[in-house]
N, C-alpha and C. Protein backbone atom coordinates (compact mmCIF):
# COMPACT_ATOMS: atom_id res chain seq x y z
N UNK A 1 0.58 -0.92 -0.29
CA UNK A 1 -0.07 -0.40 0.02
C UNK A 1 0.69 1.30 -0.16
N UNK A 2 0.42 2.17 -1.12
CA UNK A 2 1.11 3.64 -0.98
C UNK A 2 0.70 4.62 -0.45
N UNK A 3 1.38 5.07 0.80
CA UNK A 3 0.61 6.39 1.29
C UNK A 3 1.48 7.78 0.86
N UNK A 4 0.64 8.93 1.26
CA UNK A 4 1.05 10.61 1.23
C UNK A 4 1.26 10.92 2.51
N UNK A 5 1.89 10.18 3.16
CA UNK A 5 1.92 10.45 4.75
C UNK A 5 2.86 11.23 5.03
N UNK A 6 3.60 11.53 4.46
CA UNK A 6 4.83 12.46 4.88
C UNK A 6 4.73 13.64 4.06
N UNK A 7 4.05 13.40 3.00
CA UNK A 7 3.46 14.78 2.16
C UNK A 7 2.26 15.68 2.74
N UNK A 8 1.52 14.64 3.03
CA UNK A 8 0.63 15.60 4.09
C UNK A 8 0.81 16.22 5.38
N UNK A 9 1.69 15.43 6.25
CA UNK A 9 2.75 15.74 7.24
C UNK A 9 3.03 17.58 6.88
N UNK A 10 3.68 17.33 5.72
CA UNK A 10 4.75 18.32 5.69
C UNK A 10 3.95 19.85 5.17
N UNK A 11 2.67 19.65 4.99
CA UNK A 11 1.63 20.49 4.39
C UNK A 11 1.42 21.04 5.51
N UNK A 12 1.29 20.55 6.35
CA UNK A 12 1.03 20.79 7.67
C UNK A 12 1.62 21.18 8.63
N UNK A 13 2.81 21.08 8.06
CA UNK A 13 3.83 21.21 8.85
C UNK A 13 3.73 20.73 10.35
N UNK A 14 3.72 19.32 10.76
CA UNK A 14 3.74 18.22 11.55
C UNK A 14 4.99 17.82 11.73
N UNK A 15 5.30 17.34 12.64
CA UNK A 15 6.32 15.77 13.11
C UNK A 15 5.69 14.74 13.76
N UNK A 16 6.38 13.96 13.10
CA UNK A 16 5.99 12.31 13.21
C UNK A 16 5.49 12.50 14.80
N UNK A 17 6.03 13.05 15.50
CA UNK A 17 6.11 13.11 17.22
C UNK A 17 4.40 13.43 16.88
N UNK A 18 4.10 14.54 16.54
CA UNK A 18 2.65 15.29 16.72
C UNK A 18 1.97 14.75 15.94
N UNK A 19 1.88 14.31 14.99
CA UNK A 19 0.90 13.05 14.05
C UNK A 19 0.58 12.06 14.75
N UNK A 20 1.85 11.49 15.45
CA UNK A 20 1.41 10.35 16.45
C UNK A 20 0.39 10.80 17.70
N UNK A 21 1.02 11.77 18.87
CA UNK A 21 0.48 12.24 19.56
C UNK A 21 -1.19 12.38 19.37
N UNK A 22 -1.76 12.88 18.32
CA UNK A 22 -2.78 13.32 17.45
C UNK A 22 -3.65 11.84 17.51
N UNK A 23 -3.20 11.07 16.85
CA UNK A 23 -4.09 9.91 16.77
C UNK A 23 -3.33 8.74 17.27
N UNK A 24 -3.05 8.72 18.57
CA UNK A 24 -2.89 7.90 20.20
C UNK A 24 -1.69 6.70 19.13
N UNK A 25 -0.58 6.87 18.80
CA UNK A 25 0.29 6.03 18.32
C UNK A 25 1.45 6.53 18.46
N UNK A 26 2.34 5.65 18.34
CA UNK A 26 4.07 6.13 18.92
C UNK A 26 4.51 6.59 17.41
N UNK A 27 5.37 7.36 17.36
CA UNK A 27 6.11 8.17 16.35
C UNK A 27 6.68 6.66 15.71
N UNK A 28 7.13 6.00 16.14
CA UNK A 28 7.31 5.17 15.27
C UNK A 28 6.35 3.93 14.42
N UNK A 29 5.66 3.94 15.04
CA UNK A 29 4.52 3.64 14.52
C UNK A 29 4.33 4.23 12.78
N UNK A 30 3.94 5.92 13.21
CA UNK A 30 4.01 6.57 12.50
C UNK A 30 4.75 6.74 11.28
N UNK A 31 6.11 6.41 11.51
CA UNK A 31 7.30 6.19 10.66
C UNK A 31 7.42 4.95 9.86
N UNK A 32 6.66 3.99 10.58
CA UNK A 32 6.46 2.56 9.45
C UNK A 32 5.64 2.20 8.84
N UNK A 33 4.35 3.55 8.96
CA UNK A 33 3.33 3.33 7.94
C UNK A 33 4.13 4.34 7.11
N UNK A 34 4.92 5.30 6.89
CA UNK A 34 5.35 6.33 6.09
C UNK A 34 6.27 5.53 5.06
N UNK A 35 7.23 4.63 6.06
CA UNK A 35 8.17 4.14 5.04
C UNK A 35 7.25 2.09 4.44
N UNK A 36 6.23 2.47 4.67
CA UNK A 36 5.62 1.04 3.54
C UNK A 36 5.77 -0.42 4.77
N UNK A 37 6.44 -0.13 5.75
CA UNK A 37 6.41 -1.78 6.72
C UNK A 37 5.06 -2.18 7.46
N UNK A 38 4.10 -0.91 7.61
CA UNK A 38 3.26 -1.44 8.47
C UNK A 38 2.18 -0.57 7.99
N UNK A 39 0.71 -1.49 7.54
CA UNK A 39 -0.69 -1.07 7.18
C UNK A 39 -1.62 -0.74 8.79
N UNK A 40 -1.51 0.54 8.41
CA UNK A 40 -2.72 0.98 9.50
C UNK A 40 -4.04 0.33 9.72
N UNK A 41 -4.53 -0.23 11.07
CA UNK A 41 -5.50 -0.51 10.85
C UNK A 41 -6.83 0.45 10.33
N UNK A 42 -7.83 -0.13 10.34
CA UNK A 42 -9.21 0.68 9.48
C UNK A 42 -9.51 1.96 10.09
N UNK A 43 -9.38 2.36 11.73
CA UNK A 43 -9.81 3.06 12.32
C UNK A 43 -8.20 3.88 12.87
N UNK A 44 -6.87 3.66 12.67
CA UNK A 44 -6.38 4.29 12.68
C UNK A 44 -6.52 5.16 10.92
N UNK A 45 -6.58 4.62 10.16
CA UNK A 45 -6.27 4.87 8.72
C UNK A 45 -7.52 6.41 8.81
N UNK A 46 -8.81 6.09 9.43
CA UNK A 46 -9.73 7.43 9.55
C UNK A 46 -9.38 8.16 10.43
N UNK A 47 -8.59 8.11 11.55
CA UNK A 47 -7.89 9.14 12.86
C UNK A 47 -7.06 10.02 11.64
N UNK A 48 -6.52 9.18 10.91
CA UNK A 48 -5.26 10.07 10.35
C UNK A 48 -5.96 11.13 9.03
N UNK A 49 -7.06 10.32 8.45
CA UNK A 49 -7.63 11.47 7.61
C UNK A 49 -8.51 11.90 7.89
N UNK A 50 -8.84 12.13 9.15
CA UNK A 50 -9.43 13.18 10.05
C UNK A 50 -8.58 13.89 10.55
N UNK A 51 -7.51 13.91 10.96
CA UNK A 51 -6.18 15.05 11.34
C UNK A 51 -6.36 15.82 9.90
N UNK A 52 -5.86 15.39 8.65
CA UNK A 52 -5.86 15.94 7.55
C UNK A 52 -6.64 16.47 6.88
N UNK A 53 -7.93 16.22 7.86
CA UNK A 53 -9.23 16.48 6.89
C UNK A 53 -9.30 16.30 5.76
N UNK A 54 -9.32 15.16 5.44
CA UNK A 54 -9.34 14.66 4.24
C UNK A 54 -9.98 12.99 4.34
N UNK A 55 -10.16 12.49 3.22
CA UNK A 55 -10.61 11.01 3.16
C UNK A 55 -9.47 9.88 3.07
N UNK A 56 -9.94 8.88 3.50
CA UNK A 56 -8.41 7.98 3.73
C UNK A 56 -7.90 7.58 2.29
N UNK A 57 -9.00 7.46 1.00
CA UNK A 57 -8.23 7.04 0.05
C UNK A 57 -7.83 8.42 -1.03
N UNK A 58 -7.39 9.35 0.05
CA UNK A 58 -6.63 10.48 -0.38
C UNK A 58 -5.41 10.47 0.35
N UNK A 59 -5.55 9.21 1.11
CA UNK A 59 -3.66 9.29 1.42
C UNK A 59 -3.00 8.00 1.62
N UNK A 60 -4.28 6.99 1.10
CA UNK A 60 -3.87 5.52 1.11
C UNK A 60 -4.30 4.92 -0.41
N UNK A 61 -3.56 4.18 -0.95
CA UNK A 61 -3.51 3.89 -2.11
C UNK A 61 -3.25 2.31 -1.96
N UNK A 62 -3.94 1.77 -3.12
CA UNK A 62 -3.62 0.56 -2.75
C UNK A 62 -2.86 0.32 -4.25
N UNK A 63 -1.94 -1.09 -4.23
CA UNK A 63 -0.66 -1.45 -5.48
C UNK A 63 -1.44 -2.40 -5.85
N UNK A 64 -0.73 -2.73 -7.07
CA UNK A 64 -0.84 -4.00 -7.62
C UNK A 64 -0.75 -4.79 -6.66
N UNK A 65 0.46 -5.00 -6.17
CA UNK A 65 1.14 -5.98 -5.28
C UNK A 65 0.03 -6.62 -3.91
N UNK A 66 -0.77 -5.80 -4.18
CA UNK A 66 -1.53 -5.29 -2.57
C UNK A 66 -3.06 -6.70 -2.72
N UNK A 67 -2.96 -6.80 -4.38
CA UNK A 67 -4.05 -7.70 -4.66
C UNK A 67 -3.55 -9.53 -4.99
N UNK A 68 -2.40 -9.75 -4.41
CA UNK A 68 -1.96 -10.50 -4.25
C UNK A 68 -1.78 -11.67 -3.44
C-alpha cells in the first residue's frame, strides 16, 4: 500500500511525533506507516484522515501487489 503521509505532514508542518500524539500511537508507528512497513488499521487510517481533513483514499492507495 502506498501512502502520502509524509507529504500531508509537510503540508501541515507536523512532525511524526505530533501526528502520533494526535492519533494516539507512537512516533515509530507513524514512521513505519510512512516507509511502508506497517499497514494501519481502518480505525487508525480514519483518525489520520480526520487530522488532515481529507479521506482515507486520498492518503492511502492500493498497489498492484496488494491484490496478490
